Protein backbone atom coordinates (compact mmCIF):
# COMPACT_ATOMS: atom_id res chain seq x y z
CA MET A 1 40.17 54.70 167.32
CA LYS A 2 41.67 55.25 163.99
CA ALA A 3 40.82 58.07 162.03
CA ILE A 4 38.73 57.83 158.60
CA GLU A 5 38.54 61.26 157.75
CA ARG A 6 37.89 64.89 159.74
CA ASN A 7 35.96 64.74 162.79
CA ILE A 8 34.90 60.86 161.93
CA SER A 9 36.91 58.03 163.42
CA ARG A 10 36.46 54.40 164.23
CA HIS A 11 36.47 52.06 166.75
CA GLU A 12 38.23 48.42 166.89
CA ASN A 13 34.51 47.42 167.53
CA GLY A 14 33.51 48.78 163.65
CA THR A 15 31.49 51.54 165.29
CA PHE A 16 31.58 55.01 163.48
CA TYR A 17 32.73 58.14 166.19
CA PHE A 18 32.08 61.86 165.80
CA VAL A 19 35.90 63.87 167.48
CA ALA A 20 35.97 67.11 167.62
CA ARG A 21 38.66 69.38 169.49
CA ARG A 22 36.89 73.03 170.42
CA GLY A 23 38.86 75.80 172.20
CA GLY A 24 40.89 73.01 173.98
CA ARG A 25 38.01 70.91 174.72
CA LEU A 26 37.80 67.15 172.71
CA THR A 27 34.60 65.80 171.51
CA VAL A 28 33.59 62.51 171.01
CA ARG A 29 29.99 60.75 170.31
CA SER A 30 29.41 58.08 169.34
CA LEU A 31 27.66 58.13 165.92
CA LYS A 32 26.02 54.81 166.56
CA THR A 33 26.67 53.07 162.99
CA ASP A 34 28.90 51.35 161.24
CA ASN A 35 27.92 52.24 158.20
CA LEU A 36 30.36 55.47 157.16
CA GLU A 37 27.58 57.12 154.30
CA GLU A 38 25.25 56.74 157.55
CA ALA A 39 27.68 58.29 159.42
CA ARG A 40 28.13 61.36 157.34
CA ARG A 41 24.51 62.16 156.72
CA LYS A 42 24.18 62.51 160.74
CA ILE A 43 27.31 65.13 161.10
CA ARG A 44 25.66 66.59 158.20
CA GLU A 45 21.94 66.59 159.90
CA LEU A 46 23.12 67.06 163.37
CA GLY A 47 25.61 69.70 162.47
CA ILE A 48 29.13 70.44 164.40
CA ASN A 49 27.91 72.97 166.47
CA GLY A 50 25.18 70.59 167.23
CA LEU A 51 27.33 67.96 167.89
CA THR A 52 29.65 69.86 170.64
CA ALA A 53 27.28 71.01 172.36
CA ALA A 54 25.39 68.27 172.62
CA ARG A 55 25.43 65.79 176.06
CA GLU A 56 27.39 62.70 176.68
CA PRO A 57 25.46 60.17 175.45
CA ALA A 58 25.02 57.37 178.65
CA VAL A 59 27.25 54.19 177.70
CA PRO A 60 24.65 51.39 176.87
CA MET A 61 23.29 49.93 179.93
CA LEU A 62 24.51 46.26 180.44
CA ALA A 63 22.24 43.28 179.52
CA GLY A 64 20.04 42.35 182.70
CA VAL A 65 20.11 45.98 184.20
CA ALA A 66 16.81 47.93 183.45
CA GLU A 67 16.87 51.42 182.07
CA SER A 68 15.03 52.89 185.07
CA ALA A 69 17.70 51.51 187.17
CA PRO A 70 18.04 53.84 190.83
CA ALA A 71 20.78 55.79 191.87
CA ALA A 72 21.53 52.95 194.07
CA VAL A 73 20.49 48.79 193.57
CA ALA A 74 21.69 46.68 196.55
CA ALA A 75 21.92 43.61 193.97
CA PRO A 76 23.20 44.39 190.83
CA VAL A 77 22.64 41.36 188.33
CA VAL A 78 25.70 42.20 186.43
CA SER A 79 29.29 40.57 187.40
CA LEU A 80 32.13 43.05 188.49
CA ALA A 81 34.40 41.53 185.91
CA ALA A 82 31.48 41.95 182.88
CA ALA A 83 30.76 45.84 184.04
CA ILE A 84 34.57 46.83 184.08
CA ALA A 85 34.67 44.84 180.54
CA GLU A 86 31.65 47.57 179.79
CA HIS A 87 32.69 50.21 181.52
CA ASP A 88 36.79 50.10 179.91
CA ARG A 89 34.60 49.65 176.37
CA GLY A 90 33.86 53.59 176.60
CA LEU A 91 37.35 54.69 177.08
CA VAL A 92 38.38 55.99 173.88
CA LEU A 93 41.12 57.57 172.07
CA LEU A 94 43.43 56.94 175.31
CA SER A 95 47.05 57.02 174.54
CA ALA A 96 48.93 53.90 175.36
CA GLY A 97 50.36 55.03 178.61
CA ALA A 98 46.03 55.80 179.19
CA ARG A 99 45.52 51.95 178.48
CA GLU A 100 48.28 50.23 180.47
CA MET A 101 47.17 52.73 183.84
CA ALA A 102 43.47 51.33 182.43
CA ALA A 103 44.98 47.47 182.59
CA ARG A 104 46.61 48.36 186.06
CA GLY A 105 43.60 49.98 187.45
CA LYS A 106 41.46 46.82 185.82
CA ARG A 107 43.39 43.77 187.38
CA VAL A 108 43.77 45.13 190.88
CA ILE A 109 40.05 45.57 191.26
CA LEU A 110 39.59 42.10 190.22
CA GLN A 111 42.42 40.55 192.68
CA PHE A 112 41.41 42.59 195.62
CA ALA A 113 37.45 42.59 195.31
CA SER A 114 35.03 39.27 195.49
CA GLY A 115 32.31 41.05 194.66
CA TRP A 116 30.23 44.09 194.11
CA ASP A 117 30.55 44.60 198.12
CA PHE A 118 34.07 46.07 197.99
CA SER A 119 35.41 49.47 199.10
CA PRO A 120 37.81 51.77 197.16
CA ILE A 121 39.97 52.43 200.58
CA GLU A 122 39.96 48.90 201.13
CA ILE A 123 41.06 48.55 197.75
CA TRP A 124 43.87 51.04 198.03
CA GLN A 125 45.16 50.17 201.42
CA LYS A 126 45.81 46.65 199.97
CA TYR A 127 47.50 47.63 197.06
CA ARG A 128 49.31 49.60 199.01
CA GLU A 129 50.21 46.86 201.26
CA THR A 130 51.85 44.80 198.80
CA GLY A 131 54.79 47.40 199.13
CA VAL A 132 54.32 49.37 196.40
CA GLU A 133 55.69 52.91 197.98
CA ARG A 134 58.10 51.50 199.60
CA GLN A 135 59.57 50.02 196.22
CA GLY A 136 60.79 53.30 194.68
CA LYS A 137 59.22 56.17 191.90
CA GLU A 138 57.97 54.06 189.39
CA LEU A 139 56.26 51.62 191.42
CA THR A 140 54.47 54.60 193.67
CA SER A 141 53.15 56.03 190.31
CA ALA A 142 51.99 52.41 189.90
CA ALA A 143 49.38 53.34 192.82
CA ASN A 144 48.29 56.52 191.54
CA HIS A 145 47.78 54.80 188.01
CA LEU A 146 45.16 52.57 189.89
CA LEU A 147 43.71 55.92 191.89
CA TRP A 148 43.23 57.21 188.23
CA TYR A 149 41.10 54.11 187.21
CA MET A 150 39.27 54.01 190.15
CA ARG A 151 37.92 58.35 189.93
CA LYS A 152 37.11 56.87 186.28
CA PHE A 153 35.36 53.70 187.29
CA ILE A 154 33.65 54.30 190.41
CA PRO A 155 31.65 56.88 189.38
CA TRP A 156 30.57 55.40 186.40
CA ALA A 157 29.61 52.48 188.50
CA VAL A 158 27.73 53.93 191.37
CA GLY A 159 25.89 56.00 188.50
CA ARG A 160 24.72 52.55 186.93
CA GLY A 161 23.52 51.32 190.53
CA PHE A 162 26.12 48.91 191.33
CA LEU A 163 28.10 50.47 193.80
CA LYS A 164 25.95 52.70 196.64
CA ALA A 165 27.03 56.35 196.61
CA GLU A 166 28.99 55.91 199.67
CA ALA A 167 31.89 54.57 197.34
CA LEU A 168 32.13 58.47 196.54
CA GLU A 169 32.66 59.59 199.53
CA GLU A 170 35.54 57.11 200.01
CA LEU A 171 36.97 57.88 196.71
CA LYS A 172 37.41 61.75 197.91
CA LYS A 173 39.83 60.57 201.23
CA LEU A 174 41.86 58.81 199.17
CA LYS A 175 44.74 61.54 198.19
CA LYS A 176 47.21 60.92 195.18
CA LEU A 177 50.63 59.48 196.62
CA GLN A 178 53.75 61.86 196.38
CA THR A 179 56.78 60.43 195.08
CA ASN A 180 59.70 61.26 197.13
CA SER A 181 62.63 62.27 194.71
CA ARG A 182 65.57 60.78 196.77
CA ARG A 183 63.94 57.40 195.48
CA ILE A 184 65.24 57.55 191.82
CA ARG A 185 68.03 55.99 191.49
CA VAL A 186 70.62 56.24 189.08
CA PRO A 187 71.56 53.37 186.84
CA SER A 188 75.85 53.29 186.54
CA GLU A 189 76.52 53.48 182.87
CA GLU A 190 77.84 49.71 182.97
CA THR A 191 74.38 48.92 183.73
CA VAL A 192 73.13 50.80 181.34
CA ASP A 193 75.28 50.03 178.86
CA GLU A 194 74.83 45.92 179.74
CA PHE A 195 70.88 46.27 179.29
CA LEU A 196 71.46 48.56 175.48
CA LYS A 197 73.95 45.39 174.58
CA MET A 198 70.84 42.85 175.70
CA VAL A 199 67.98 44.42 174.06
CA SER A 200 70.53 44.96 171.11
CA SER A 201 70.87 41.48 170.78
CA GLU A 202 67.83 40.68 170.05
CA ASP A 203 66.50 43.82 168.53
CA GLN A 204 69.10 46.04 166.75
CA ASP A 205 66.80 49.27 165.69
CA GLY A 206 65.23 48.72 169.85
CA GLY A 207 68.46 49.14 171.32
CA GLU A 208 69.79 52.34 168.78
CA PHE A 209 66.59 53.64 169.81
CA LEU A 210 66.91 52.95 173.81
CA ARG A 211 70.87 54.17 173.24
CA PHE A 212 69.65 57.69 171.47
CA LEU A 213 67.44 58.50 174.43
CA ALA A 214 70.00 57.89 176.79
CA CYS A 215 72.29 59.93 175.86
CA THR A 216 69.61 62.83 174.35
CA GLY A 217 67.47 62.77 177.17
CA LEU A 218 64.48 63.38 174.82
CA ARG A 219 60.79 62.02 175.60
CA LEU A 220 59.61 59.12 173.83
CA ARG A 221 57.35 61.66 171.33
CA GLY A 222 60.17 63.50 170.90
CA ALA A 223 62.59 61.22 169.34
CA THR A 224 59.84 59.33 167.58
CA GLY A 225 58.82 62.55 166.08
CA LEU A 226 61.94 63.59 164.54
CA THR A 227 62.60 64.05 160.81
CA TRP A 228 66.06 64.80 158.93
CA ARG A 229 64.89 68.31 158.71
CA ASP A 230 65.32 68.51 162.49
CA VAL A 231 68.44 67.52 162.36
CA ASP A 232 71.65 69.63 162.02
CA LEU A 233 74.72 67.03 162.02
CA ALA A 234 77.67 69.49 161.49
CA ALA A 235 76.46 72.16 164.04
CA SER A 236 75.43 68.73 166.53
CA GLN A 237 72.41 70.13 167.19
CA ILE A 238 68.33 69.15 167.20
CA VAL A 239 64.78 71.02 166.54
CA VAL A 240 62.45 69.34 169.03
CA ARG A 241 58.85 69.92 169.38
CA GLN A 242 58.10 69.81 173.22
CA LYS A 243 54.48 68.88 174.64
CA GLY A 244 52.77 72.48 173.77
CA GLY A 245 53.84 72.11 170.65
CA LYS A 246 56.78 74.67 170.62
CA GLU A 247 59.79 73.82 168.77
CA LYS A 248 63.03 74.29 170.86
CA VAL A 249 67.09 73.69 169.30
CA LEU A 250 68.54 71.53 171.23
CA PRO A 251 72.29 70.26 171.31
CA ILE A 252 73.74 67.39 170.94
CA GLY A 253 76.33 65.07 172.27
CA PRO A 254 79.00 63.18 170.19
CA GLU A 255 77.15 59.70 170.73
CA ALA A 256 74.01 60.88 170.13
CA VAL A 257 75.72 62.03 166.79
CA GLU A 258 77.48 59.11 166.01
CA ILE A 259 74.07 56.99 166.17
CA LEU A 260 72.24 59.68 163.65
CA GLU A 261 75.23 59.43 161.09
CA ARG A 262 74.76 55.49 161.12
CA ARG A 263 71.08 56.15 160.29
CA ARG A 264 71.68 58.66 157.49
CA LYS A 265 70.22 56.66 154.88
CA LEU A 266 66.65 56.12 156.91
CA PRO A 267 63.88 57.84 155.76
CA ARG A 268 63.89 59.02 159.18
CA PRO A 269 66.31 58.89 162.08
CA PHE A 270 63.09 56.45 163.96
CA GLY A 271 60.30 55.89 162.10
CA LEU A 272 59.14 52.96 165.20
CA ASP A 273 55.25 52.95 165.19
CA GLN A 274 53.12 52.64 168.25
CA LYS A 275 53.00 48.41 167.46
CA ALA A 276 57.02 48.55 167.36
CA LEU A 277 57.02 50.98 170.95
CA GLU A 278 54.74 48.35 172.62
CA LYS A 279 57.02 45.39 171.23
CA LEU A 280 60.45 47.21 172.40
CA GLU A 281 58.61 47.72 176.04
CA ARG A 282 57.68 44.62 176.13
CA LYS A 283 61.81 43.26 175.51
CA MET A 284 62.64 45.95 177.97
CA LYS A 285 60.62 44.25 180.41
CA ARG A 286 62.09 40.98 179.90
CA PHE A 287 65.32 41.58 179.85
CA ALA A 288 65.29 44.49 183.06
CA LYS A 289 64.10 40.82 185.48
CA GLY A 290 67.97 40.67 186.16
CA PHE A 291 68.70 44.33 187.37
CA GLU A 292 68.17 45.42 190.66
CA ILE A 293 67.12 48.79 188.85
CA ASP A 294 64.02 49.35 186.90
CA LEU A 295 64.71 50.06 183.16
CA THR A 296 61.52 49.02 182.02
CA MET A 297 60.04 52.20 180.79
CA PHE A 298 61.44 54.96 178.20
CA HIS A 299 61.25 57.61 180.57
CA ALA A 300 63.89 56.25 182.70
CA PHE A 301 66.86 56.96 180.17
CA ARG A 302 65.40 60.82 180.69
CA HIS A 303 66.17 60.51 184.05
CA TYR A 304 69.63 58.27 183.61
CA PHE A 305 70.63 61.23 181.19
CA ALA A 306 69.93 64.75 183.58
CA SER A 307 71.14 62.53 186.45
CA ARG A 308 74.65 61.67 184.64
CA CYS A 309 74.79 65.40 183.17
CA LEU A 310 74.12 66.67 186.96
CA MET A 311 76.63 64.05 188.16
CA ALA A 312 79.22 65.46 185.22
CA GLY A 313 78.82 68.60 186.92
CA LEU A 314 76.22 70.68 184.64
CA THR A 315 75.08 73.22 186.40
CA VAL A 316 70.77 72.82 187.04
CA GLN A 317 70.15 75.90 184.56
CA GLU A 318 71.98 74.01 182.01
CA VAL A 319 70.90 70.30 182.57
CA ALA A 320 67.13 72.26 182.19
CA THR A 321 67.97 73.58 178.99
CA LEU A 322 69.06 70.46 177.55
CA LEU A 323 65.77 68.63 178.77
CA GLY A 324 63.47 71.23 176.59
CA HIS A 325 62.49 72.66 180.41
CA SER A 326 61.91 76.41 180.37
CA ASP A 327 61.60 76.92 184.27
CA GLY A 328 65.43 77.96 184.82
CA GLY A 329 65.96 74.50 186.66
CA VAL A 330 62.60 74.74 188.80
CA LEU A 331 61.96 70.88 188.14
CA VAL A 332 65.45 69.62 188.03
CA LEU A 333 66.11 70.84 191.08
CA LYS A 334 62.82 69.05 192.88
CA THR A 335 63.21 65.96 190.99
CA TYR A 336 66.98 65.53 191.35
CA GLY A 337 67.93 67.45 194.32
CA HIS A 338 69.63 64.72 195.82
CA ILE A 339 72.17 64.45 193.46
CA CYS A 340 72.80 68.20 193.13
CA GLY A 341 73.40 68.29 197.10
CA ALA A 342 75.76 65.26 196.73
CA HIS A 343 77.74 66.96 193.89
CA LEU A 344 78.08 70.05 196.13
CA ARG A 345 79.09 68.21 199.10
CA ASN A 346 81.69 66.52 196.96
CA ALA A 347 82.74 69.73 195.39
CA VAL A 348 83.22 71.30 199.06
CA ALA A 349 85.44 68.87 200.34
CA GLY A 350 87.74 69.74 197.50
CA LEU A 351 87.85 73.64 198.62
CA ARG A 352 91.22 75.02 199.32
CA LEU A 353 90.37 78.56 199.92
CA ALA A 354 92.64 79.20 202.22
CA ARG A 355 96.26 77.85 203.22
CA ALA A 356 97.08 75.75 206.62
CA ALA A 357 98.85 77.80 209.62
């Protein structure tokens, strides 16, 4: 969806949507027109309050399904693939990450379900049997992404009579997988350096961006949102906007300073738009195939930064500050506790508190 003006966005199919956020609640309503003047007229007639208070508009019924379809239909006349395609067209205003989660969920359901007689529990079990929860944090997250998608698609399918109501009861039995922090594997400096050189050989700007993530631990949006007003190279610090919009002043190391110094003549430190990020992510996935550790996600470099800081001897509280956390290190300790424990064992092994007799 592309924002056209305040409260009006345009979908890829040309349809205009009313979009508004009030009290933290996002409202999206189809205006059912591809004419901008007609969309404006509907908003004037219905009013902002009327649109935000209106019920969610029903997703158009698929061809071959009557409007008065009962809650459960034994043999729906549309294919599973067609229904999924129709459902996904209603997923508007999704982030790039959410679109990837939806695409993964669609692929898995179509892979393991031959038709409408599938069971959510069977889909979940078949996917887990492929080994996703035994291969690390990232692939465990992939299973949770599937669950996220099924929690959207299955109620939608039941409501249109494609699936029986029992599918909802099965869905309730599925629980999100808990990731074991010990599965977070830290790549060596040599591995990261080799990977970044491979990316830089094809995309110098993208490789430098990933190197900046690796030596600052910034989230993707925090790094791409940097402006030169946020950078103070003399003081070796930057101003970063956190998830809730709050700004924090964070120190940066000499490697990050050198990267920013080289980019001083550019309009922004890193002016990567969504298209450039998706292109870079595809290159990451291609180059990461030869490594034994997952370097296919931007967030992997945040994990790398935090892990290397802990291994270098920084305290949990110091690492939490560098990551922009406000919990005093609780999340760092929960996520990287195994690294802290290894560092503590090494430190204790080197202690000499009393002379030998």
